Amino acid sequence: MKKSGRNIFFVLISIILLSVCVGCVRTNNTTEGIEAIEFLAERGHANSQVDLGIMLYYGIDVNQDYEKALYWFIRAAEQGHVMAQFNLGVIYQEGYTVEQDFEQAAYWYRKAAEQGHSIAQNNLGILYAEGDGVARDDEQAVYWFRRAAEQNESMAQNNLGWQYHHGLGIEQSYEQAAYWYKKAIAQGNANAQVNLAVLPAQYR
């Protein structure tokens, strides 16, 4: 994602590892385990589709194949699997193995965000703040940052603090900026610490 010169500490990208539970179906034989996952994935089992996507994406016990991985993530995401939706958002936002496509990133992040996925909410807020894949809208950025911040997501707490700090999409409030920066700092967010340090002394 491009970084805006106006607030480098605000544009925080949450690129986390693609999701979860490789090998939810296990046997003592690796080949049998893979076959079991493929069997379930082909019959529409969303968790197995995500597992298979991850295995193909990273080449875990199978030949690495990004195209097939994307296929299985999409299959699971279309069934409403939140981690598959989030993973697709990351893939399209960053252009990992596909052409970078902010509109697709926003589409899939929104799907995950509406299910309460806090990092997807944060990332969707970033897209609104930057106008990537969506019309720039600081009020929408605030909305999504707040939803994630209230789930204790430190990046979103910092980003919401920045919005208050600079009056972007919301009435400027150093007091609220400090409140959210301190929430993020309590979780070890170094960017929030830098941002808090430039507030007027009485709010630090």
Protein backbone atom coordinates (compact mmCIF):
# COMPACT_ATOMS: atom_id res chain seq x y z
CA MET A 1 0.00 0.00 0.00
CA LYS A 2 1.26 3.49 -0.73
CA LYS A 3 2.17 5.56 2.28
CA SER A 4 0.88 9.10 2.61
CA GLY A 5 3.47 11.76 3.31
CA ARG A 6 1.04 13.60 5.53
CA ASN A 7 0.91 10.96 8.28
CA ILE A 8 3.27 8.07 8.00
CA PHE A 9 2.45 6.78 11.47
CA PHE A 10 -1.24 6.71 10.64
CA VAL A 11 -1.00 4.46 7.62
CA LEU A 12 -0.32 1.22 9.42
CA ILE A 13 -0.61 -1.92 7.36
CA SER A 14 -1.51 -5.13 9.09
CA ILE A 15 0.18 -7.72 6.95
CA ILE A 16 -0.20 -10.80 9.08
CA LEU A 17 0.41 -14.35 8.06
CA LEU A 18 -2.35 -15.97 6.11
CA SER A 19 -4.62 -17.60 8.49
CA VAL A 20 -5.09 -20.52 10.68
CA CYS A 21 -5.36 -24.19 11.34
CA VAL A 22 -3.35 -25.97 8.67
CA GLY A 23 -4.36 -29.61 8.84
CA CYS A 24 -7.55 -29.37 10.86
CA VAL A 25 -8.02 -32.91 9.60
CA ARG A 26 -5.06 -35.03 10.72
CA THR A 27 -4.03 -38.60 10.30
CA ASN A 28 -0.74 -40.33 11.06
CA ASN A 29 0.02 -40.39 7.33
CA THR A 30 0.71 -37.04 5.66
CA THR A 31 -0.61 -38.19 2.28
CA GLU A 32 -3.82 -39.48 3.83
CA GLY A 33 -4.20 -36.23 5.74
CA ILE A 34 -3.85 -34.15 2.58
CA GLU A 35 -6.27 -36.41 0.73
CA ALA A 36 -8.78 -36.01 3.55
CA ILE A 37 -8.49 -32.22 3.41
CA GLU A 38 -8.87 -32.24 -0.39
CA PHE A 39 -11.86 -34.56 -0.12
CA LEU A 40 -13.64 -32.21 2.27
CA ALA A 41 -12.61 -29.08 0.37
CA GLU A 42 -14.01 -30.42 -2.87
CA ARG A 43 -17.31 -31.08 -1.09
CA GLY A 44 -17.63 -27.52 0.11
CA HIS A 45 -16.16 -27.68 3.62
CA ALA A 46 -14.96 -24.09 4.10
CA ASN A 47 -12.37 -24.74 6.83
CA SER A 48 -10.77 -27.42 4.68
CA GLN A 49 -10.78 -25.08 1.70
CA VAL A 50 -8.87 -22.52 3.76
CA ASP A 51 -6.47 -25.20 5.04
CA LEU A 52 -5.83 -26.37 1.50
CA GLY A 53 -5.36 -22.79 0.32
CA ILE A 54 -2.74 -22.17 3.01
CA MET A 55 -0.94 -25.41 2.23
CA LEU A 56 -0.80 -24.53 -1.47
CA TYR A 57 0.18 -20.92 -0.78
CA TYR A 58 3.15 -21.85 1.39
CA GLY A 59 3.97 -25.22 -0.15
CA ILE A 60 3.24 -27.11 3.07
CA ASP A 61 3.34 -30.85 2.29
CA VAL A 62 2.27 -30.05 -1.30
CA ASN A 63 3.76 -28.30 -4.31
CA GLN A 64 3.39 -24.54 -3.96
CA ASP A 65 0.66 -23.26 -6.30
CA TYR A 66 -0.56 -19.69 -5.83
CA GLU A 67 -3.29 -19.96 -8.45
CA LYS A 68 -4.86 -22.98 -6.78
CA ALA A 69 -4.45 -21.38 -3.35
CA LEU A 70 -6.36 -18.32 -4.54
CA TYR A 71 -9.07 -20.59 -5.97
CA TRP A 72 -9.62 -22.27 -2.60
CA PHE A 73 -9.57 -19.01 -0.66
CA ILE A 74 -12.23 -17.63 -2.99
CA ARG A 75 -14.34 -20.78 -2.63
CA ALA A 76 -14.24 -20.46 1.16
CA ALA A 77 -14.70 -16.69 1.15
CA GLU A 78 -17.82 -16.99 -0.99
CA GLN A 79 -19.25 -19.22 1.74
CA GLY A 80 -18.63 -16.47 4.27
CA HIS A 81 -15.43 -17.82 5.84
CA VAL A 82 -14.03 -14.75 7.60
CA MET A 83 -10.34 -15.69 7.50
CA ALA A 84 -10.54 -16.53 3.80
CA GLN A 85 -12.12 -13.13 3.19
CA PHE A 86 -9.41 -11.40 5.22
CA ASN A 87 -6.64 -13.34 3.46
CA LEU A 88 -7.99 -12.28 0.08
CA GLY A 89 -8.03 -8.68 1.24
CA VAL A 90 -4.34 -8.91 2.18
CA ILE A 91 -3.43 -10.67 -1.07
CA TYR A 92 -5.15 -8.06 -3.24
CA GLN A 93 -4.05 -5.07 -1.15
CA GLU A 94 -0.40 -6.02 -1.35
CA GLY A 95 -0.43 -7.68 -4.75
CA TYR A 96 0.86 -10.95 -3.36
CA THR A 97 1.02 -13.30 -6.36
CA VAL A 98 -1.77 -11.34 -8.08
CA GLU A 99 -2.04 -7.91 -9.64
CA GLN A 100 -2.57 -5.35 -6.89
CA ASP A 101 -6.27 -4.49 -6.79
CA PHE A 102 -7.48 -2.14 -4.06
CA GLU A 103 -11.12 -2.52 -5.11
CA GLN A 104 -10.95 -6.26 -4.56
CA ALA A 105 -9.08 -5.69 -1.30
CA ALA A 106 -11.82 -3.34 -0.09
CA TYR A 107 -14.52 -5.79 -1.18
CA TRP A 108 -13.07 -8.69 0.79
CA TYR A 109 -12.01 -6.63 3.79
CA ARG A 110 -15.57 -5.32 4.04
CA LYS A 111 -16.94 -8.85 4.02
CA ALA A 112 -14.63 -9.81 6.90
CA ALA A 113 -15.08 -6.48 8.68
CA GLU A 114 -18.85 -6.86 8.70
CA GLN A 115 -18.33 -10.17 10.51
CA GLY A 116 -16.30 -8.39 13.19
CA HIS A 117 -12.75 -9.16 12.07
CA SER A 118 -10.79 -6.38 13.77
CA ILE A 119 -7.75 -6.26 11.48
CA ALA A 120 -9.98 -6.27 8.40
CA GLN A 121 -11.86 -3.36 9.98
CA ASN A 122 -8.60 -1.51 10.52
CA ASN A 123 -7.39 -2.19 6.99
CA LEU A 124 -10.70 -1.10 5.49
CA GLY A 125 -10.39 2.11 7.48
CA ILE A 126 -6.93 2.65 5.96
CA LEU A 127 -8.34 2.20 2.46
CA TYR A 128 -11.00 4.84 3.20
CA ALA A 129 -8.43 7.20 4.68
CA GLU A 130 -6.19 6.84 1.63
CA GLY A 131 -8.92 6.59 -1.02
CA ASP A 132 -7.57 3.26 -2.26
CA GLY A 133 -10.23 1.13 -3.94
CA VAL A 134 -12.96 3.31 -2.43
CA ALA A 135 -13.76 7.01 -2.46
CA ARG A 136 -11.72 8.74 0.22
CA ASP A 137 -13.96 9.20 3.24
CA ASP A 138 -12.50 10.08 6.63
CA GLU A 139 -15.83 9.56 8.37
CA GLN A 140 -15.92 5.98 7.14
CA ALA A 141 -12.29 5.59 8.17
CA VAL A 142 -13.21 6.73 11.68
CA TYR A 143 -16.16 4.35 11.75
CA TRP A 144 -14.05 1.30 10.92
CA PHE A 145 -11.10 2.32 13.09
CA ARG A 146 -13.46 2.74 16.02
CA ARG A 147 -15.04 -0.66 15.52
CA ALA A 148 -11.61 -2.28 15.54
CA ALA A 149 -10.27 -0.09 18.36
CA GLU A 150 -13.18 -1.09 20.57
CA GLN A 151 -12.07 -4.69 20.07
CA ASN A 152 -8.67 -3.68 21.47
CA GLU A 153 -6.87 -3.71 18.11
CA SER A 154 -3.79 -1.55 18.79
CA MET A 155 -3.22 -0.43 15.19
CA ALA A 156 -6.78 0.83 15.00
CA GLN A 157 -6.45 2.54 18.39
CA ASN A 158 -3.42 4.42 17.08
CA ASN A 159 -5.19 5.24 13.83
CA LEU A 160 -8.30 6.46 15.62
CA GLY A 161 -6.05 8.58 17.82
CA TRP A 162 -4.54 10.08 14.68
CA GLN A 163 -7.98 10.94 13.32
CA TYR A 164 -8.83 12.77 16.55
CA HIS A 165 -5.39 14.36 16.66
CA HIS A 166 -5.81 15.93 13.21
CA GLY A 167 -9.58 16.32 13.08
CA LEU A 168 -10.01 13.96 10.15
CA GLY A 169 -13.61 12.80 9.78
CA ILE A 170 -14.33 13.83 13.34
CA GLU A 171 -14.05 16.91 15.54
CA GLN A 172 -10.47 17.44 16.63
CA SER A 173 -9.84 16.40 20.22
CA TYR A 174 -6.38 16.11 21.72
CA GLU A 175 -7.94 14.52 24.78
CA GLN A 176 -9.48 11.72 22.72
CA ALA A 177 -6.31 11.40 20.65
CA ALA A 178 -4.29 10.90 23.84
CA TYR A 179 -6.83 8.41 25.16
CA TRP A 180 -6.54 6.18 22.09
CA TYR A 181 -2.79 6.59 21.73
CA LYS A 182 -2.36 5.48 25.34
CA LYS A 183 -4.58 2.45 24.72
CA ALA A 184 -2.31 1.47 21.83
CA ILE A 185 0.86 2.20 23.80
CA ALA A 186 -0.32 -0.13 26.57
CA GLN A 187 -0.12 -2.90 23.95
CA GLY A 188 3.38 -1.92 22.85
CA ASN A 189 2.49 0.14 19.78
CA ALA A 190 5.60 2.22 19.11
CA ASN A 191 3.93 4.45 16.51
CA ALA A 192 1.34 5.54 19.04
CA GLN A 193 4.15 6.44 21.45
CA VAL A 194 5.70 8.72 18.83
CA ASN A 195 2.32 10.27 18.04
CA LEU A 196 1.52 10.92 21.69
CA ALA A 197 4.86 12.66 22.14
CA VAL A 198 3.93 15.42 19.68
CA LEU A 199 0.62 16.27 21.37
CA PRO A 200 0.61 19.41 23.54
CA ALA A 201 2.24 18.63 26.89
CA GLN A 202 -0.96 18.84 28.95
CA TYR A 203 -2.49 15.89 27.03
CA ARG A 204 0.41 13.44 27.24
